[in-house]
Amino acid sequence: MSERQFLVEGPLAVREALAFTDPSGQGCVVEIFATDAAGDRHRDLRAAARAADVSWHGVELDTLGGLTDTVSPQGVVACCRFVDVGLDEVLVRPVRLV
């Protein structure tokens, strides 16, 4: 992992990261690390990674656990690049209350 990158852990977070594109149309996911079991359970993630031309690396659970601080890894981690968004763009977006 290089500077200005972060990890996203778990199938839901990885799915959302794969769906994101910045204003120029570029995605933020650089590569994905997943156990074989997670790859089998989440074939849609693997297909989305393939469609986005994102590398998918099969790893052992112990290796994956070494990438994260999670006590119980969910089996899939994405390495993502930071997305720089200017203040003007942030202020134009409608506010959503979660």
Foldseek 3Di string as FASTA:
>chain_A
DDPQKDKDFDDVRLVVQLVDAPPVRQGFFAAKEFAPVVCVVCVVSVVSCVVNVHYYHHDDPVVVCVVDVDPDGNGMMTITGHDDDDPVVVVVDDDDDD
